[in-house]
Amino acid sequence: MKIEKPQSWPQTVEEAKAIQEELRRQVIREDDLPTVRYVAGVDAGYPEQNNLTQAAVAVLSFPELQLCDQAIARCPTHFPYIPGFLSFREIPAVLEALEQLTIVPDLLLCDGQGLAHPRRLGIACHLGVLTNLPTIGVAKSRLIGTHDALPPERGSWQPLRDRGETVGAVLRSRSHVNPLYISIGHRISLPTALDYVMRCTPKYRLPETTRISDRLASS
């Protein structure tokens, strides 16, 4: 998979914030998906005390959810840990992993936020704009926003709102377990994102894409 990567990465919060403000305007919030035959999970970990970022991508057939391709990449970690700017730590390694793939995914599910971000550019949006792939943010915890009480049944969801805007949804992917926080990344609407997340989550709390990529990133 060929990717046109940025020539340089920011070194300061001010530089990173300026990039977020610029890229957020490029996010497409409507459905612009091809026929989805392959879905991919993207995750990153830090195996050597934050000095290295290890990113993993797992490509699964859809709707069968069988592993078809995978890649792991390691890069030096250049950006500090600052909430709201985590994509700048992870994306350099993620792009390296994506370039190794022999199968180009039609949809990426990222372990993190998308639009549900203070500046509306979580890692799913950031990665989507850089790769021009449809992306969804699938986060395990809430970063911003409020929502109404969520029923305990699988498939139930409530809008996640921040400053008067719906930035995502709180989704019960499995009955009587903690919910997921879903937000669009790029080239997809929220209803479609929720549908794909549920179809990628047949048994456990997390989508199969996330479970497999997380295991690879931690290995």
N, C-alpha and C. Protein backbone atom coordinates (compact mmCIF):
# COMPACT_ATOMS: atom_id res chain seq x y z
N MET A 1 0.85 -1.19 0.00
CA MET A 1 0.00 0.00 0.00
C MET A 1 0.89 1.24 0.00
N LYS A 2 0.72 2.11 -0.99
CA LYS A 2 1.54 3.31 -1.12
C LYS A 2 0.88 4.48 -0.41
N ILE A 3 1.64 5.16 0.45
CA ILE A 3 1.13 6.28 1.23
C ILE A 3 2.08 7.47 1.06
N GLU A 4 1.50 8.63 0.84
CA GLU A 4 2.30 9.86 0.79
C GLU A 4 2.38 10.43 2.19
N LYS A 5 3.49 10.18 2.85
CA LYS A 5 3.64 10.58 4.26
C LYS A 5 4.10 12.03 4.37
N PRO A 6 3.78 12.68 5.49
CA PRO A 6 4.26 14.04 5.71
C PRO A 6 5.78 14.09 5.67
N GLN A 7 6.32 15.20 5.18
CA GLN A 7 7.77 15.33 5.09
C GLN A 7 8.41 15.47 6.46
N SER A 8 7.68 16.01 7.42
CA SER A 8 8.19 16.15 8.78
C SER A 8 7.03 16.07 9.77
N TRP A 9 7.37 15.84 11.03
CA TRP A 9 6.38 15.74 12.10
C TRP A 9 6.60 16.87 13.10
N PRO A 10 5.55 17.32 13.76
CA PRO A 10 5.71 18.46 14.67
C PRO A 10 6.58 18.11 15.87
N GLN A 11 7.24 19.13 16.39
CA GLN A 11 8.10 18.97 17.55
C GLN A 11 7.51 19.62 18.80
N THR A 12 6.51 20.47 18.63
CA THR A 12 5.91 21.17 19.76
C THR A 12 4.39 21.04 19.71
N VAL A 13 3.76 21.32 20.85
CA VAL A 13 2.30 21.30 20.92
C VAL A 13 1.71 22.34 19.98
N GLU A 14 2.33 23.51 19.90
CA GLU A 14 1.82 24.57 19.03
C GLU A 14 1.81 24.12 17.58
N GLU A 15 2.87 23.47 17.15
CA GLU A 15 2.92 22.96 15.78
C GLU A 15 1.87 21.88 15.55
N ALA A 16 1.71 20.98 16.53
CA ALA A 16 0.72 19.91 16.40
C ALA A 16 -0.70 20.47 16.36
N LYS A 17 -0.96 21.46 17.17
CA LYS A 17 -2.30 22.07 17.19
C LYS A 17 -2.61 22.73 15.85
N ALA A 18 -1.63 23.39 15.26
CA ALA A 18 -1.85 24.03 13.96
C ALA A 18 -2.17 22.99 12.89
N ILE A 19 -1.50 21.85 12.94
CA ILE A 19 -1.77 20.77 11.99
C ILE A 19 -3.18 20.24 12.19
N GLN A 20 -3.59 20.05 13.44
CA GLN A 20 -4.95 19.58 13.71
C GLN A 20 -5.99 20.55 13.17
N GLU A 21 -5.77 21.84 13.38
CA GLU A 21 -6.72 22.84 12.90
C GLU A 21 -6.81 22.82 11.37
N GLU A 22 -5.70 22.57 10.72
CA GLU A 22 -5.69 22.51 9.25
C GLU A 22 -6.37 21.25 8.74
N LEU A 23 -6.03 20.09 9.31
CA LEU A 23 -6.55 18.82 8.79
C LEU A 23 -8.02 18.62 9.11
N ARG A 24 -8.51 19.19 10.21
CA ARG A 24 -9.91 18.98 10.59
C ARG A 24 -10.86 19.46 9.51
N ARG A 25 -10.44 20.46 8.74
CA ARG A 25 -11.28 20.99 7.67
C ARG A 25 -11.37 20.04 6.48
N GLN A 26 -10.50 19.05 6.44
CA GLN A 26 -10.49 18.10 5.33
C GLN A 26 -11.28 16.83 5.62
N VAL A 27 -11.78 16.69 6.85
CA VAL A 27 -12.53 15.49 7.22
C VAL A 27 -13.86 15.46 6.49
N ILE A 28 -14.15 14.35 5.83
CA ILE A 28 -15.44 14.14 5.16
C ILE A 28 -16.33 13.36 6.10
N ARG A 29 -17.48 13.94 6.43
CA ARG A 29 -18.36 13.36 7.45
C ARG A 29 -19.52 12.57 6.85
N GLU A 30 -19.55 12.42 5.55
CA GLU A 30 -20.61 11.66 4.89
C GLU A 30 -20.04 10.35 4.34
N ASP A 31 -20.95 9.45 3.99
CA ASP A 31 -20.54 8.16 3.43
C ASP A 31 -19.89 8.34 2.06
N ASP A 32 -18.68 7.85 1.96
CA ASP A 32 -17.94 7.86 0.70
C ASP A 32 -17.09 6.59 0.67
N LEU A 33 -17.77 5.46 0.82
CA LEU A 33 -17.09 4.17 0.95
C LEU A 33 -17.20 3.37 -0.34
N PRO A 34 -16.17 2.59 -0.62
CA PRO A 34 -16.30 1.59 -1.69
C PRO A 34 -17.07 0.39 -1.14
N THR A 35 -17.26 -0.60 -1.98
CA THR A 35 -17.78 -1.88 -1.47
C THR A 35 -16.77 -2.43 -0.46
N VAL A 36 -17.22 -2.71 0.74
CA VAL A 36 -16.30 -3.11 1.80
C VAL A 36 -16.09 -4.63 1.75
N ARG A 37 -14.92 -5.02 1.30
CA ARG A 37 -14.53 -6.43 1.26
C ARG A 37 -13.49 -6.76 2.31
N TYR A 38 -12.74 -5.71 2.73
CA TYR A 38 -11.70 -5.90 3.75
C TYR A 38 -11.78 -4.77 4.77
N VAL A 39 -11.81 -5.15 6.04
CA VAL A 39 -11.76 -4.19 7.13
C VAL A 39 -10.44 -4.40 7.87
N ALA A 40 -9.90 -3.33 8.42
CA ALA A 40 -8.62 -3.43 9.11
C ALA A 40 -8.70 -2.80 10.49
N GLY A 41 -7.98 -3.39 11.42
CA GLY A 41 -7.82 -2.82 12.75
C GLY A 41 -6.44 -2.22 12.88
N VAL A 42 -6.35 -1.08 13.54
CA VAL A 42 -5.09 -0.38 13.72
C VAL A 42 -4.89 -0.13 15.21
N ASP A 43 -3.72 -0.48 15.71
CA ASP A 43 -3.43 -0.27 17.12
C ASP A 43 -1.94 -0.01 17.28
N ALA A 44 -1.55 0.55 18.42
CA ALA A 44 -0.14 0.83 18.68
C ALA A 44 0.16 0.59 20.15
N GLY A 45 1.40 0.20 20.43
CA GLY A 45 1.87 -0.03 21.79
C GLY A 45 3.29 0.47 21.93
N TYR A 46 3.80 0.38 23.14
CA TYR A 46 5.14 0.90 23.46
C TYR A 46 5.92 -0.16 24.20
N PRO A 47 6.64 -1.01 23.47
CA PRO A 47 7.28 -2.18 24.09
C PRO A 47 8.53 -1.86 24.89
N GLU A 48 9.15 -0.70 24.68
CA GLU A 48 10.42 -0.41 25.34
C GLU A 48 10.38 0.93 26.06
N GLN A 49 9.51 1.01 27.06
CA GLN A 49 9.42 2.19 27.92
C GLN A 49 9.25 3.49 27.13
N ASN A 50 8.37 3.44 26.13
CA ASN A 50 7.99 4.62 25.35
C ASN A 50 9.07 5.12 24.39
N ASN A 51 10.21 4.44 24.30
CA ASN A 51 11.23 4.87 23.35
C ASN A 51 10.91 4.45 21.93
N LEU A 52 10.13 3.38 21.81
CA LEU A 52 9.69 2.88 20.51
C LEU A 52 8.18 2.78 20.47
N THR A 53 7.63 3.08 19.31
CA THR A 53 6.21 2.84 19.07
C THR A 53 6.09 1.65 18.15
N GLN A 54 5.32 0.66 18.57
CA GLN A 54 5.08 -0.53 17.74
C GLN A 54 3.63 -0.49 17.27
N ALA A 55 3.44 -0.37 15.98
CA ALA A 55 2.11 -0.30 15.40
C ALA A 55 1.78 -1.60 14.67
N ALA A 56 0.53 -1.98 14.74
CA ALA A 56 0.08 -3.20 14.07
C ALA A 56 -1.19 -2.93 13.29
N VAL A 57 -1.28 -3.56 12.14
CA VAL A 57 -2.48 -3.51 11.31
C VAL A 57 -2.90 -4.94 10.99
N ALA A 58 -4.15 -5.25 11.20
CA ALA A 58 -4.70 -6.56 10.87
C ALA A 58 -5.83 -6.37 9.87
N VAL A 59 -5.74 -7.02 8.72
CA VAL A 59 -6.75 -6.92 7.67
C VAL A 59 -7.60 -8.18 7.68
N LEU A 60 -8.90 -8.00 7.82
CA LEU A 60 -9.84 -9.12 7.87
C LEU A 60 -10.79 -9.05 6.69
N SER A 61 -11.18 -10.22 6.21
CA SER A 61 -12.22 -10.26 5.18
C SER A 61 -13.54 -9.80 5.79
N PHE A 62 -14.40 -9.23 4.97
CA PHE A 62 -15.70 -8.78 5.45
C PHE A 62 -16.79 -9.29 4.52
N PRO A 63 -17.83 -9.90 5.08
CA PRO A 63 -18.21 -9.95 6.50
C PRO A 63 -17.70 -11.16 7.28
N GLU A 64 -16.84 -11.99 6.69
CA GLU A 64 -16.44 -13.23 7.36
C GLU A 64 -15.55 -12.99 8.58
N LEU A 65 -14.78 -11.88 8.55
CA LEU A 65 -13.87 -11.51 9.64
C LEU A 65 -12.76 -12.55 9.84
N GLN A 66 -12.22 -13.00 8.72
CA GLN A 66 -11.07 -13.90 8.76
C GLN A 66 -9.80 -13.13 8.45
N LEU A 67 -8.73 -13.39 9.19
CA LEU A 67 -7.48 -12.67 9.01
C LEU A 67 -6.88 -12.98 7.65
N CYS A 68 -6.60 -11.93 6.86
CA CYS A 68 -6.07 -12.09 5.51
C CYS A 68 -4.67 -11.49 5.34
N ASP A 69 -4.35 -10.48 6.13
CA ASP A 69 -3.06 -9.80 5.99
C ASP A 69 -2.76 -9.12 7.31
N GLN A 70 -1.48 -8.90 7.58
CA GLN A 70 -1.09 -8.23 8.81
C GLN A 70 0.29 -7.61 8.63
N ALA A 71 0.57 -6.60 9.44
CA ALA A 71 1.87 -5.95 9.39
C ALA A 71 2.17 -5.31 10.73
N ILE A 72 3.45 -5.29 11.08
CA ILE A 72 3.92 -4.65 12.30
C ILE A 72 5.10 -3.76 11.94
N ALA A 73 5.14 -2.57 12.52
CA ALA A 73 6.25 -1.65 12.29
C ALA A 73 6.65 -1.01 13.60
N ARG A 74 7.94 -0.75 13.72
CA ARG A 74 8.48 -0.07 14.91
C ARG A 74 9.17 1.22 14.47
N CYS A 75 8.89 2.30 15.20
CA CYS A 75 9.52 3.58 14.93
C CYS A 75 9.90 4.24 16.25
N PRO A 76 10.95 5.04 16.27
CA PRO A 76 11.25 5.82 17.48
C PRO A 76 10.07 6.72 17.84
N THR A 77 9.79 6.84 19.12
CA THR A 77 8.71 7.70 19.60
C THR A 77 9.26 9.11 19.78
N HIS A 78 8.77 10.06 18.97
CA HIS A 78 9.32 11.41 18.98
C HIS A 78 8.46 12.41 19.75
N PHE A 79 7.15 12.16 19.83
CA PHE A 79 6.27 13.16 20.43
C PHE A 79 5.91 12.74 21.85
N PRO A 80 5.89 13.66 22.81
CA PRO A 80 5.59 13.29 24.20
C PRO A 80 4.13 12.87 24.38
N TYR A 81 3.88 12.23 25.50
CA TYR A 81 2.51 11.81 25.83
C TYR A 81 1.74 13.02 26.34
N ILE A 82 0.82 13.51 25.51
CA ILE A 82 -0.03 14.64 25.88
C ILE A 82 -1.44 14.31 25.41
N PRO A 83 -2.42 14.21 26.32
CA PRO A 83 -3.79 13.93 25.90
C PRO A 83 -4.26 14.92 24.84
N GLY A 84 -4.92 14.38 23.83
CA GLY A 84 -5.39 15.20 22.72
C GLY A 84 -4.42 15.28 21.56
N PHE A 85 -3.19 14.75 21.76
CA PHE A 85 -2.18 14.78 20.71
C PHE A 85 -1.55 13.41 20.50
N LEU A 86 -2.25 12.36 20.92
CA LEU A 86 -1.66 11.02 20.88
C LEU A 86 -1.42 10.54 19.45
N SER A 87 -2.17 11.06 18.51
CA SER A 87 -1.98 10.58 17.13
C SER A 87 -0.58 10.89 16.62
N PHE A 88 0.04 11.96 17.11
CA PHE A 88 1.38 12.31 16.64
C PHE A 88 2.43 11.33 17.18
N ARG A 89 2.12 10.60 18.25
CA ARG A 89 3.01 9.55 18.73
C ARG A 89 2.86 8.28 17.91
N GLU A 90 1.64 7.99 17.51
CA GLU A 90 1.33 6.68 16.94
C GLU A 90 1.35 6.62 15.42
N ILE A 91 0.90 7.69 14.75
CA ILE A 91 0.69 7.61 13.31
C ILE A 91 1.96 7.35 12.51
N PRO A 92 3.13 7.88 12.87
CA PRO A 92 4.31 7.54 12.07
C PRO A 92 4.53 6.04 11.96
N ALA A 93 4.38 5.30 13.05
CA ALA A 93 4.54 3.85 13.00
C ALA A 93 3.37 3.18 12.28
N VAL A 94 2.16 3.71 12.47
CA VAL A 94 0.99 3.14 11.79
C VAL A 94 1.14 3.25 10.28
N LEU A 95 1.62 4.38 9.80
CA LEU A 95 1.81 4.54 8.36
C LEU A 95 2.85 3.56 7.82
N GLU A 96 3.91 3.33 8.60
CA GLU A 96 4.92 2.34 8.20
C GLU A 96 4.30 0.95 8.09
N ALA A 97 3.44 0.60 9.04
CA ALA A 97 2.80 -0.71 8.99
C ALA A 97 1.84 -0.81 7.81
N LEU A 98 1.07 0.24 7.56
CA LEU A 98 0.13 0.22 6.44
C LEU A 98 0.86 0.03 5.11
N GLU A 99 2.03 0.61 4.99
CA GLU A 99 2.78 0.49 3.73
C GLU A 99 3.23 -0.94 3.45
N GLN A 100 3.30 -1.77 4.47
CA GLN A 100 3.73 -3.15 4.29
C GLN A 100 2.61 -4.06 3.78
N LEU A 101 1.38 -3.60 3.85
CA LEU A 101 0.25 -4.46 3.50
C LEU A 101 0.25 -4.81 2.01
N THR A 102 -0.16 -6.03 1.73
CA THR A 102 -0.38 -6.43 0.34
C THR A 102 -1.85 -6.31 -0.05
N ILE A 103 -2.72 -6.20 0.95
CA ILE A 103 -4.15 -6.00 0.71
C ILE A 103 -4.52 -4.62 1.24
N VAL A 104 -5.07 -3.79 0.38
CA VAL A 104 -5.48 -2.44 0.80
C VAL A 104 -6.88 -2.55 1.43
N PRO A 105 -7.03 -2.18 2.71
CA PRO A 105 -8.34 -2.28 3.34
C PRO A 105 -9.30 -1.22 2.81
N ASP A 106 -10.58 -1.56 2.83
CA ASP A 106 -11.62 -0.62 2.41
C ASP A 106 -12.10 0.25 3.56
N LEU A 107 -11.83 -0.18 4.78
CA LEU A 107 -12.29 0.54 5.97
C LEU A 107 -11.35 0.24 7.12
N LEU A 108 -10.94 1.31 7.84
CA LEU A 108 -10.06 1.16 9.00
C LEU A 108 -10.84 1.44 10.28
N LEU A 109 -10.69 0.57 11.27
CA LEU A 109 -11.22 0.79 12.60
C LEU A 109 -10.04 1.06 13.53
N CYS A 110 -9.97 2.27 14.06
CA CYS A 110 -8.83 2.69 14.87
C CYS A 110 -9.16 2.55 16.35
N ASP A 111 -8.17 2.13 17.11
CA ASP A 111 -8.32 2.03 18.56
C ASP A 111 -8.10 3.42 19.16
N GLY A 112 -9.14 4.25 19.12
CA GLY A 112 -9.03 5.61 19.61
C GLY A 112 -10.18 6.46 19.10
N GLN A 113 -10.06 7.75 19.32
CA GLN A 113 -11.13 8.68 18.96
C GLN A 113 -11.03 9.12 17.51
N GLY A 114 -12.15 9.58 16.99
CA GLY A 114 -12.19 10.24 15.71
C GLY A 114 -12.62 11.69 15.91
N LEU A 115 -13.87 11.97 15.57
CA LEU A 115 -14.40 13.32 15.73
C LEU A 115 -14.59 13.69 17.20
N ALA A 116 -14.71 12.71 18.07
CA ALA A 116 -14.92 12.96 19.50
C ALA A 116 -13.62 13.37 20.16
N HIS A 117 -13.18 14.56 19.82
CA HIS A 117 -11.87 15.07 20.19
C HIS A 117 -12.00 16.58 20.38
N PRO A 118 -11.26 17.17 21.30
CA PRO A 118 -11.43 18.62 21.55
C PRO A 118 -11.32 19.48 20.30
N ARG A 119 -10.45 19.11 19.37
CA ARG A 119 -10.30 19.87 18.13
C ARG A 119 -10.82 19.09 16.94
N ARG A 120 -11.63 18.07 17.21
CA ARG A 120 -12.31 17.27 16.18
C ARG A 120 -11.33 16.58 15.24
N LEU A 121 -10.17 16.17 15.80
CA LEU A 121 -9.21 15.44 14.97
C LEU A 121 -8.47 14.42 15.83
N GLY A 122 -9.21 13.39 16.25
CA GLY A 122 -8.57 12.26 16.90
C GLY A 122 -7.82 11.42 15.87
N ILE A 123 -7.22 10.34 16.34
CA ILE A 123 -6.36 9.55 15.45
C ILE A 123 -7.11 9.00 14.24
N ALA A 124 -8.39 8.66 14.39
CA ALA A 124 -9.14 8.11 13.25
C ALA A 124 -9.31 9.17 12.16
N CYS A 125 -9.61 10.41 12.55
CA CYS A 125 -9.71 11.49 11.57
C CYS A 125 -8.34 11.78 10.96
N HIS A 126 -7.34 11.88 11.80
CA HIS A 126 -5.98 12.19 11.36
C HIS A 126 -5.50 11.14 10.35
N LEU A 127 -5.65 9.89 10.70
CA LEU A 127 -5.20 8.81 9.82
C LEU A 127 -6.03 8.75 8.54
N GLY A 128 -7.33 8.99 8.67
CA GLY A 128 -8.19 8.97 7.50
C GLY A 128 -7.81 10.02 6.48
N VAL A 129 -7.55 11.23 6.95
CA VAL A 129 -7.18 12.31 6.03
C VAL A 129 -5.83 12.02 5.38
N LEU A 130 -4.86 11.53 6.14
CA LEU A 130 -3.53 11.27 5.59
C LEU A 130 -3.54 10.14 4.56
N THR A 131 -4.37 9.12 4.76
CA THR A 131 -4.40 7.96 3.86
C THR A 131 -5.53 8.04 2.84
N ASN A 132 -6.50 8.92 3.09
CA ASN A 132 -7.74 9.02 2.30
C ASN A 132 -8.53 7.72 2.32
N LEU A 133 -8.42 6.98 3.41
CA LEU A 133 -9.23 5.78 3.60
C LEU A 133 -10.39 6.08 4.54
N PRO A 134 -11.55 5.44 4.33
CA PRO A 134 -12.63 5.56 5.31
C PRO A 134 -12.18 5.01 6.67
N THR A 135 -12.46 5.74 7.73
CA THR A 135 -11.98 5.35 9.05
C THR A 135 -13.07 5.58 10.10
N ILE A 136 -12.98 4.78 11.17
CA ILE A 136 -13.88 4.89 12.32
C ILE A 136 -13.04 4.89 13.58
N GLY A 137 -13.39 5.74 14.53
CA GLY A 137 -12.77 5.71 15.84
C GLY A 137 -13.56 4.82 16.78
N VAL A 138 -12.90 3.83 17.34
CA VAL A 138 -13.54 2.90 18.29
C VAL A 138 -12.73 2.97 19.58
N ALA A 139 -13.21 3.76 20.52
CA ALA A 139 -12.46 4.01 21.76
C ALA A 139 -13.08 3.23 22.92
N LYS A 140 -12.23 2.83 23.85
CA LYS A 140 -12.69 2.09 25.02
C LYS A 140 -13.16 3.01 26.14
N SER A 141 -12.77 4.28 26.08
CA SER A 141 -13.15 5.23 27.12
C SER A 141 -13.51 6.56 26.50
N ARG A 142 -14.17 7.40 27.27
CA ARG A 142 -14.64 8.70 26.78
C ARG A 142 -13.56 9.74 26.97
N LEU A 143 -13.34 10.56 25.95
CA LEU A 143 -12.41 11.68 26.04
C LEU A 143 -13.16 12.98 26.31
N ILE A 144 -14.22 13.21 25.55
CA ILE A 144 -15.04 14.40 25.73
C ILE A 144 -16.50 14.02 25.58
N GLY A 145 -17.40 14.95 25.92
CA GLY A 145 -18.82 14.79 25.63
C GLY A 145 -19.63 14.21 26.76
N THR A 146 -20.94 14.35 26.60
CA THR A 146 -21.90 13.80 27.55
C THR A 146 -22.96 13.03 26.78
N HIS A 147 -23.66 12.16 27.49
CA HIS A 147 -24.71 11.36 26.84
C HIS A 147 -25.76 10.95 27.85
N ASP A 148 -26.92 10.58 27.35
CA ASP A 148 -27.99 10.08 28.21
C ASP A 148 -27.69 8.65 28.65
N ALA A 149 -28.49 8.18 29.60
CA ALA A 149 -28.31 6.82 30.11
C ALA A 149 -28.47 5.81 28.98
N LEU A 150 -27.62 4.78 29.02
CA LEU A 150 -27.58 3.78 27.95
C LEU A 150 -28.24 2.50 28.42
N PRO A 151 -29.23 1.98 27.67
CA PRO A 151 -29.83 0.70 28.04
C PRO A 151 -28.79 -0.42 28.03
N PRO A 152 -29.04 -1.51 28.77
CA PRO A 152 -28.02 -2.55 28.92
C PRO A 152 -27.93 -3.52 27.75
N GLU A 153 -28.86 -3.48 26.80
CA GLU A 153 -28.90 -4.48 25.74
C GLU A 153 -27.89 -4.20 24.64
N ARG A 154 -27.36 -5.27 24.05
CA ARG A 154 -26.46 -5.17 22.90
C ARG A 154 -27.12 -4.39 21.76
N GLY A 155 -26.36 -3.49 21.17
CA GLY A 155 -26.86 -2.70 20.05
C GLY A 155 -27.47 -1.37 20.43
N SER A 156 -27.75 -1.17 21.71
CA SER A 156 -28.31 0.11 22.13
C SER A 156 -27.22 1.19 22.08
N TRP A 157 -27.63 2.42 21.80
CA TRP A 157 -26.66 3.51 21.72
C TRP A 157 -27.32 4.84 22.01
N GLN A 158 -26.50 5.80 22.38
CA GLN A 158 -26.94 7.17 22.62
C GLN A 158 -25.95 8.13 21.97
N PRO A 159 -26.46 9.26 21.48
CA PRO A 159 -25.54 10.26 20.91
C PRO A 159 -24.57 10.79 21.97
N LEU A 160 -23.37 11.04 21.56
CA LEU A 160 -22.35 11.67 22.39
C LEU A 160 -22.23 13.12 21.93
N ARG A 161 -22.47 14.07 22.84
CA ARG A 161 -22.53 15.48 22.46
C ARG A 161 -21.45 16.28 23.17
N ASP A 162 -20.94 17.27 22.45
CA ASP A 162 -19.95 18.18 23.01
C ASP A 162 -20.19 19.56 22.44
N ARG A 163 -20.39 20.53 23.31
CA ARG A 163 -20.61 21.93 22.92
C ARG A 163 -21.71 22.06 21.86
N GLY A 164 -22.80 21.33 22.09
CA GLY A 164 -23.95 21.43 21.21
C GLY A 164 -23.86 20.63 19.93
N GLU A 165 -22.80 19.86 19.74
CA GLU A 165 -22.60 19.09 18.51
C GLU A 165 -22.56 17.60 18.83
N THR A 166 -23.19 16.79 18.00
CA THR A 166 -23.07 15.34 18.13
C THR A 166 -21.74 14.93 17.53
N VAL A 167 -20.84 14.43 18.38
CA VAL A 167 -19.49 14.09 17.94
C VAL A 167 -19.26 12.58 17.86
N GLY A 168 -20.26 11.81 18.26
CA GLY A 168 -20.11 10.36 18.22
C GLY A 168 -21.30 9.69 18.88
N ALA A 169 -21.07 8.47 19.31
CA ALA A 169 -22.13 7.69 19.95
C ALA A 169 -21.52 6.78 21.00
N VAL A 170 -22.31 6.51 22.03
CA VAL A 170 -21.94 5.54 23.05
C VAL A 170 -22.69 4.26 22.70
N LEU A 171 -21.97 3.18 22.44
CA LEU A 171 -22.55 1.96 21.88
C LEU A 171 -22.35 0.78 22.83
N ARG A 172 -23.42 0.07 23.09
CA ARG A 172 -23.33 -1.17 23.86
C ARG A 172 -23.10 -2.33 22.88
N SER A 173 -21.87 -2.75 22.75
CA SER A 173 -21.54 -3.79 21.78
C SER A 173 -21.82 -5.20 22.31
N ARG A 174 -21.99 -5.31 23.60
CA ARG A 174 -22.35 -6.58 24.22
C ARG A 174 -23.21 -6.27 25.44
N SER A 175 -24.24 -7.04 25.66
CA SER A 175 -25.17 -6.76 26.75
C SER A 175 -24.48 -6.77 28.10
N HIS A 176 -24.81 -5.76 28.91
CA HIS A 176 -24.37 -5.69 30.30
C HIS A 176 -22.85 -5.59 30.46
N VAL A 177 -22.16 -5.01 29.46
CA VAL A 177 -20.73 -4.72 29.60
C VAL A 177 -20.52 -3.25 29.30
N ASN A 178 -19.34 -2.74 29.66
CA ASN A 178 -19.04 -1.34 29.42
C ASN A 178 -19.15 -1.00 27.93
N PRO A 179 -19.65 0.18 27.61
CA PRO A 179 -19.86 0.54 26.21
C PRO A 179 -18.57 0.94 25.51
N LEU A 180 -18.67 1.11 24.20
CA LEU A 180 -17.61 1.68 23.38
C LEU A 180 -18.01 3.09 22.96
N TYR A 181 -17.02 3.87 22.62
CA TYR A 181 -17.26 5.25 22.20
C TYR A 181 -16.87 5.37 20.72
N ILE A 182 -17.89 5.48 19.89
CA ILE A 182 -17.72 5.43 18.45
C ILE A 182 -17.81 6.84 17.87
N SER A 183 -16.88 7.19 17.00
CA SER A 183 -16.99 8.45 16.28
C SER A 183 -16.41 8.28 14.89
N ILE A 184 -16.91 9.09 13.99
CA ILE A 184 -16.44 8.97 12.61
C ILE A 184 -15.00 9.43 12.52
N GLY A 185 -14.29 8.87 11.56
CA GLY A 185 -12.94 9.32 11.28
C GLY A 185 -12.88 10.11 9.99
N HIS A 186 -13.28 9.47 8.89
CA HIS A 186 -13.20 10.10 7.58
C HIS A 186 -14.01 9.28 6.59
N ARG A 187 -14.73 9.97 5.71
CA ARG A 187 -15.48 9.36 4.60
C ARG A 187 -16.54 8.36 5.08
N ILE A 188 -17.18 8.67 6.21
CA ILE A 188 -18.23 7.79 6.71
C ILE A 188 -19.14 8.60 7.64
N SER A 189 -20.43 8.24 7.65
CA SER A 189 -21.38 8.89 8.55
C SER A 189 -21.47 8.09 9.85
N LEU A 190 -22.01 8.71 10.88
CA LEU A 190 -22.11 8.03 12.17
C LEU A 190 -23.02 6.80 12.11
N PRO A 191 -24.22 6.86 11.50
CA PRO A 191 -25.04 5.64 11.44
C PRO A 191 -24.33 4.48 10.73
N THR A 192 -23.62 4.79 9.65
CA THR A 192 -22.90 3.73 8.94
C THR A 192 -21.75 3.21 9.79
N ALA A 193 -21.08 4.09 10.49
CA ALA A 193 -19.99 3.66 11.37
C ALA A 193 -20.51 2.70 12.45
N LEU A 194 -21.63 3.03 13.05
CA LEU A 194 -22.20 2.16 14.08
C LEU A 194 -22.55 0.79 13.50
N ASP A 195 -23.10 0.79 12.29
CA ASP A 195 -23.46 -0.48 11.66
C ASP A 195 -22.23 -1.35 11.43
N TYR A 196 -21.15 -0.78 10.91
CA TYR A 196 -19.95 -1.57 10.67
C TYR A 196 -19.29 -2.04 11.96
N VAL A 197 -19.29 -1.21 12.99
CA VAL A 197 -18.72 -1.64 14.25
C VAL A 197 -19.48 -2.84 14.81
N MET A 198 -20.80 -2.79 14.75
CA MET A 198 -21.59 -3.92 15.25
C MET A 198 -21.34 -5.18 14.41
N ARG A 199 -21.20 -5.04 13.12
CA ARG A 199 -20.98 -6.20 12.26
C ARG A 199 -19.58 -6.79 12.43
N CYS A 200 -18.67 -5.96 12.96
CA CYS A 200 -17.32 -6.44 13.24
C CYS A 200 -17.17 -6.93 14.68
N THR A 201 -18.27 -6.92 15.43
CA THR A 201 -18.24 -7.27 16.85
C THR A 201 -19.27 -8.37 17.12
N PRO A 202 -19.06 -9.58 16.60
CA PRO A 202 -20.08 -10.61 16.72
C PRO A 202 -20.16 -11.28 18.09
N LYS A 203 -19.10 -11.19 18.90
CA LYS A 203 -19.07 -12.01 20.11
C LYS A 203 -18.58 -11.27 21.34
N TYR A 204 -17.53 -10.51 21.21
CA TYR A 204 -16.91 -9.87 22.37
C TYR A 204 -17.26 -8.39 22.42
N ARG A 205 -16.72 -7.70 23.44
CA ARG A 205 -16.97 -6.27 23.57
C ARG A 205 -16.31 -5.49 22.44
N LEU A 206 -15.09 -5.89 22.07
CA LEU A 206 -14.33 -5.16 21.06
C LEU A 206 -14.49 -5.79 19.68
N PRO A 207 -14.41 -4.99 18.63
CA PRO A 207 -14.44 -5.55 17.28
C PRO A 207 -13.28 -6.53 17.07
N GLU A 208 -13.48 -7.49 16.19
CA GLU A 208 -12.41 -8.45 15.89
C GLU A 208 -11.17 -7.73 15.34
N THR A 209 -11.38 -6.68 14.59
CA THR A 209 -10.26 -5.91 14.06
C THR A 209 -9.40 -5.36 15.20
N THR A 210 -10.04 -4.83 16.22
CA THR A 210 -9.32 -4.27 17.36
C THR A 210 -8.64 -5.36 18.17
N ARG A 211 -9.33 -6.46 18.40
CA ARG A 211 -8.77 -7.53 19.22
C ARG A 211 -7.49 -8.10 18.59
N ILE A 212 -7.52 -8.31 17.28
CA ILE A 212 -6.36 -8.91 16.63
C ILE A 212 -5.20 -7.91 16.52
N SER A 213 -5.50 -6.66 16.14
CA SER A 213 -4.43 -5.67 16.03
C SER A 213 -3.82 -5.36 17.39
N ASP A 214 -4.64 -5.35 18.43
CA ASP A 214 -4.12 -5.12 19.78
C ASP A 214 -3.16 -6.23 20.19
N ARG A 215 -3.52 -7.45 19.87
CA ARG A 215 -2.66 -8.57 20.20
C ARG A 215 -1.33 -8.48 19.44
N LEU A 216 -1.39 -8.07 18.18
CA LEU A 216 -0.16 -7.93 17.40
C LEU A 216 0.71 -6.78 17.94
N ALA A 217 0.08 -5.67 18.29
CA ALA A 217 0.83 -4.50 18.76
C ALA A 217 1.49 -4.76 20.09
N SER A 218 0.96 -5.72 20.86
CA SER A 218 1.50 -5.99 22.19
C SER A 218 2.50 -7.14 22.18
N SER A 219 2.68 -7.79 21.03
CA SER A 219 3.55 -8.96 20.97
C SER A 219 5.02 -8.58 20.89
